[in-house]
Amino acid sequence: MEQEDGEDLFVHYTQVEGEIKDGDSVEFEVGEGPKGPNAINVSKTE
């Protein structure tokens, strides 16, 4: 997943709420995983 600043974040499918498609705008929090930052609580924005 790409952040607004262009930096990529890992996101695991278990952290996605609902269904999202490539190109959808989402909101999320940044959490710390074993391999570095990752996206958590990911949901589609309207």
PDB file of N, CA and C in Angstrom:
ATOM      1  N   MET A   1       0.852  -1.150   0.000  1.00  0.00           N
ATOM      2  CA  MET A   1       0.000   0.000   0.000  1.00  0.00           C
ATOM      3  C   MET A   1       0.906   1.223   0.000  1.00  0.00           C
ATOM      4  N   GLU A   2       0.512   2.251  -0.742  1.00  0.00           N
ATOM      5  CA  GLU A   2       1.315   3.475  -0.828  1.00  0.00           C
ATOM      6  C   GLU A   2       0.694   4.578   0.016  1.00  0.00           C
ATOM      7  N   GLN A   3       1.541   5.214   0.837  1.00  0.00           N
ATOM      8  CA  GLN A   3       1.097   6.338   1.657  1.00  0.00           C
ATOM      9  C   GLN A   3       1.079   7.616   0.820  1.00  0.00           C
ATOM     10  N   GLU A   4       0.503   8.676   1.364  1.00  0.00           N
ATOM     11  CA  GLU A   4       0.440   9.953   0.646  1.00  0.00           C
ATOM     12  C   GLU A   4       1.824  10.481   0.302  1.00  0.00           C
ATOM     13  N   ASP A   5       2.820  10.189   1.156  1.00  0.00           N
ATOM     14  CA  ASP A   5       4.175  10.675   0.895  1.00  0.00           C
ATOM     15  C   ASP A   5       4.928   9.795  -0.098  1.00  0.00           C
ATOM     16  N   GLY A   6       4.257   8.760  -0.629  1.00  0.00           N
ATOM     17  CA  GLY A   6       4.863   7.888  -1.625  1.00  0.00           C
ATOM     18  C   GLY A   6       5.546   6.661  -1.052  1.00  0.00           C
ATOM     19  N   GLU A   7       5.710   6.598   0.262  1.00  0.00           N
ATOM     20  CA  GLU A   7       6.365   5.452   0.888  1.00  0.00           C
ATOM     21  C   GLU A   7       5.393   4.275   0.965  1.00  0.00           C
ATOM     22  N   ASP A   8       5.889   3.077   0.673  1.00  0.00           N
ATOM     23  CA  ASP A   8       5.062   1.873   0.713  1.00  0.00           C
ATOM     24  C   ASP A   8       4.985   1.295   2.117  1.00  0.00           C
ATOM     25  N   LEU A   9       3.826   0.712   2.429  1.00  0.00           N
ATOM     26  CA  LEU A   9       3.610   0.003   3.689  1.00  0.00           C
ATOM     27  C   LEU A   9       3.079  -1.386   3.380  1.00  0.00           C
ATOM     28  N   PHE A  10       3.494  -2.357   4.169  1.00  0.00           N
ATOM     29  CA  PHE A  10       2.937  -3.702   4.072  1.00  0.00           C
ATOM     30  C   PHE A  10       1.552  -3.694   4.704  1.00  0.00           C
ATOM     31  N   VAL A  11       0.620  -4.420   4.099  1.00  0.00           N
ATOM     32  CA  VAL A  11      -0.707  -4.606   4.704  1.00  0.00           C
ATOM     33  C   VAL A  11      -1.097  -6.072   4.551  1.00  0.00           C
ATOM     34  N   HIS A  12      -1.512  -6.686   5.644  1.00  0.00           N
ATOM     35  CA  HIS A  12      -1.976  -8.071   5.614  1.00  0.00           C
ATOM     36  C   HIS A  12      -3.491  -8.058   5.451  1.00  0.00           C
ATOM     37  N   TYR A  13      -4.008  -9.009   4.689  1.00  0.00           N
ATOM     38  CA  TYR A  13      -5.453  -9.025   4.398  1.00  0.00           C
ATOM     39  C   TYR A  13      -6.315  -9.072   5.655  1.00  0.00           C
ATOM     40  N   THR A  14      -5.798  -9.580   6.756  1.00  0.00           N
ATOM     41  CA  THR A  14      -6.588  -9.649   7.986  1.00  0.00           C
ATOM     42  C   THR A  14      -6.809  -8.276   8.600  1.00  0.00           C
ATOM     43  N   GLN A  15      -6.064  -7.271   8.137  1.00  0.00           N
ATOM     44  CA  GLN A  15      -6.206  -5.914   8.660  1.00  0.00           C
ATOM     45  C   GLN A  15      -7.162  -5.058   7.832  1.00  0.00           C
ATOM     46  N   VAL A  16      -7.739  -5.641   6.763  1.00  0.00           N
ATOM     47  CA  VAL A  16      -8.638  -4.901   5.871  1.00  0.00           C
ATOM     48  C   VAL A  16     -10.082  -5.136   6.293  1.00  0.00           C
ATOM     49  N   GLU A  17     -10.798  -4.050   6.548  1.00  0.00           N
ATOM     50  CA  GLU A  17     -12.213  -4.113   6.915  1.00  0.00           C
ATOM     51  C   GLU A  17     -13.049  -3.926   5.653  1.00  0.00           C
ATOM     52  N   GLY A  18     -13.833  -4.921   5.292  1.00  0.00           N
ATOM     53  CA  GLY A  18     -14.649  -4.838   4.088  1.00  0.00           C
ATOM     54  C   GLY A  18     -13.839  -5.208   2.861  1.00  0.00           C
ATOM     55  N   GLU A  19     -14.304  -4.740   1.709  1.00  0.00           N
ATOM     56  CA  GLU A  19     -13.656  -5.061   0.442  1.00  0.00           C
ATOM     57  C   GLU A  19     -13.059  -3.802  -0.168  1.00  0.00           C
ATOM     58  N   ILE A  20     -11.805  -3.891  -0.580  1.00  0.00           N
ATOM     59  CA  ILE A  20     -11.176  -2.781  -1.291  1.00  0.00           C
ATOM     60  C   ILE A  20     -10.594  -3.312  -2.597  1.00  0.00           C
ATOM     61  N   LYS A  21     -10.512  -2.416  -3.567  1.00  0.00           N
ATOM     62  CA  LYS A  21      -9.969  -2.760  -4.875  1.00  0.00           C
ATOM     63  C   LYS A  21      -8.785  -1.857  -5.165  1.00  0.00           C
ATOM     64  N   ASP A  22      -7.963  -2.286  -6.099  1.00  0.00           N
ATOM     65  CA  ASP A  22      -6.820  -1.491  -6.518  1.00  0.00           C
ATOM     66  C   ASP A  22      -7.296  -0.107  -6.948  1.00  0.00           C
ATOM     67  N   GLY A  23      -6.690   0.927  -6.411  1.00  0.00           N
ATOM     68  CA  GLY A  23      -7.058   2.296  -6.749  1.00  0.00           C
ATOM     69  C   GLY A  23      -8.023   2.945  -5.779  1.00  0.00           C
ATOM     70  N   ASP A  24      -8.660   2.160  -4.886  1.00  0.00           N
ATOM     71  CA  ASP A  24      -9.567   2.728  -3.882  1.00  0.00           C
ATOM     72  C   ASP A  24      -8.778   3.575  -2.883  1.00  0.00           C
ATOM     73  N   SER A  25      -9.400   4.640  -2.403  1.00  0.00           N
ATOM     74  CA  SER A  25      -8.813   5.428  -1.319  1.00  0.00           C
ATOM     75  C   SER A  25      -9.182   4.768  -0.003  1.00  0.00           C
ATOM     76  N   VAL A  26      -8.209   4.671   0.881  1.00  0.00           N
ATOM     77  CA  VAL A  26      -8.431   4.032   2.177  1.00  0.00           C
ATOM     78  C   VAL A  26      -7.864   4.897   3.289  1.00  0.00           C
ATOM     79  N   GLU A  27      -8.325   4.609   4.505  1.00  0.00           N
ATOM     80  CA  GLU A  27      -7.717   5.209   5.680  1.00  0.00           C
ATOM     81  C   GLU A  27      -7.205   4.067   6.539  1.00  0.00           C
ATOM     82  N   PHE A  28      -6.147   4.335   7.297  1.00  0.00           N
ATOM     83  CA  PHE A  28      -5.518   3.281   8.075  1.00  0.00           C
ATOM     84  C   PHE A  28      -4.654   3.891   9.163  1.00  0.00           C
ATOM     85  N   GLU A  29      -4.244   3.045  10.083  1.00  0.00           N
ATOM     86  CA  GLU A  29      -3.290   3.423  11.111  1.00  0.00           C
ATOM     87  C   GLU A  29      -1.979   2.715  10.792  1.00  0.00           C
ATOM     88  N   VAL A  30      -0.889   3.242  11.298  1.00  0.00           N
ATOM     89  CA  VAL A  30       0.407   2.610  11.097  1.00  0.00           C
ATOM     90  C   VAL A  30       0.800   1.898  12.382  1.00  0.00           C
ATOM     91  N   GLY A  31       1.070   0.609  12.258  1.00  0.00           N
ATOM     92  CA  GLY A  31       1.508  -0.194  13.388  1.00  0.00           C
ATOM     93  C   GLY A  31       2.911  -0.709  13.137  1.00  0.00           C
ATOM     94  N   GLU A  32       3.524  -1.252  14.155  1.00  0.00           N
ATOM     95  CA  GLU A  32       4.876  -1.790  14.029  1.00  0.00           C
ATOM     96  C   GLU A  32       4.803  -3.310  14.027  1.00  0.00           C
ATOM     97  N   GLY A  33       5.284  -3.917  12.958  1.00  0.00           N
ATOM     98  CA  GLY A  33       5.310  -5.370  12.842  1.00  0.00           C
ATOM     99  C   GLY A  33       6.719  -5.890  13.026  1.00  0.00           C
ATOM    100  N   PRO A  34       6.905  -7.199  12.935  1.00  0.00           N
ATOM    101  CA  PRO A  34       8.230  -7.787  13.130  1.00  0.00           C
ATOM    102  C   PRO A  34       9.251  -7.351  12.081  1.00  0.00           C
ATOM    103  N   LYS A  35       8.773  -6.931  10.912  1.00  0.00           N
ATOM    104  CA  LYS A  35       9.690  -6.505   9.848  1.00  0.00           C
ATOM    105  C   LYS A  35       9.606  -5.009   9.579  1.00  0.00           C
ATOM    106  N   GLY A  36       8.999  -4.262  10.492  1.00  0.00           N
ATOM    107  CA  GLY A  36       8.902  -2.816  10.327  1.00  0.00           C
ATOM    108  C   GLY A  36       7.466  -2.342  10.291  1.00  0.00           C
ATOM    109  N   PRO A  37       7.259  -1.089   9.870  1.00  0.00           N
ATOM    110  CA  PRO A  37       5.918  -0.499   9.870  1.00  0.00           C
ATOM    111  C   PRO A  37       4.968  -1.238   8.928  1.00  0.00           C
ATOM    112  N   ASN A  38       3.685  -1.290   9.328  1.00  0.00           N
ATOM    113  CA  ASN A  38       2.668  -1.866   8.458  1.00  0.00           C
ATOM    114  C   ASN A  38       1.339  -1.162   8.691  1.00  0.00           C
ATOM    115  N   ALA A  39       0.431  -1.323   7.735  1.00  0.00           N
ATOM    116  CA  ALA A  39      -0.891  -0.700   7.825  1.00  0.00           C
ATOM    117  C   ALA A  39      -1.825  -1.606   8.616  1.00  0.00           C
ATOM    118  N   ILE A  40      -2.576  -1.008   9.553  1.00  0.00           N
ATOM    119  CA  ILE A  40      -3.556  -1.752  10.339  1.00  0.00           C
ATOM    120  C   ILE A  40      -4.886  -1.003  10.305  1.00  0.00           C
ATOM    121  N   ASN A  41      -5.962  -1.711  10.611  1.00  0.00           N
ATOM    122  CA  ASN A  41      -7.305  -1.115  10.625  1.00  0.00           C
ATOM    123  C   ASN A  41      -7.594  -0.370   9.322  1.00  0.00           C
ATOM    124  N   VAL A  42      -7.410  -1.048   8.218  1.00  0.00           N
ATOM    125  CA  VAL A  42      -7.573  -0.453   6.889  1.00  0.00           C
ATOM    126  C   VAL A  42      -9.042  -0.496   6.484  1.00  0.00           C
ATOM    127  N   SER A  43      -9.587   0.651   6.078  1.00  0.00           N
ATOM    128  CA  SER A  43     -10.969   0.697   5.598  1.00  0.00           C
ATOM    129  C   SER A  43     -11.081   1.676   4.436  1.00  0.00           C
ATOM    130  N   LYS A  44     -12.019   1.394   3.548  1.00  0.00           N
ATOM    131  CA  LYS A  44     -12.250   2.225   2.365  1.00  0.00           C
ATOM    132  C   LYS A  44     -12.896   3.542   2.779  1.00  0.00           C
ATOM    133  N   THR A  45     -12.463   4.633   2.164  1.00  0.00           N
ATOM    134  CA  THR A  45     -13.089   5.931   2.398  1.00  0.00           C
ATOM    135  C   THR A  45     -14.109   6.182   1.299  1.00  0.00           C
ATOM    136  N   GLU A  46     -15.127   6.926   1.624  1.00  0.00           N
ATOM    137  CA  GLU A  46     -16.182   7.231   0.645  1.00  0.00           C
ATOM    138  C   GLU A  46     -15.805   8.410  -0.203  1.00  0.00           C
TER     139      GLU A  46
END
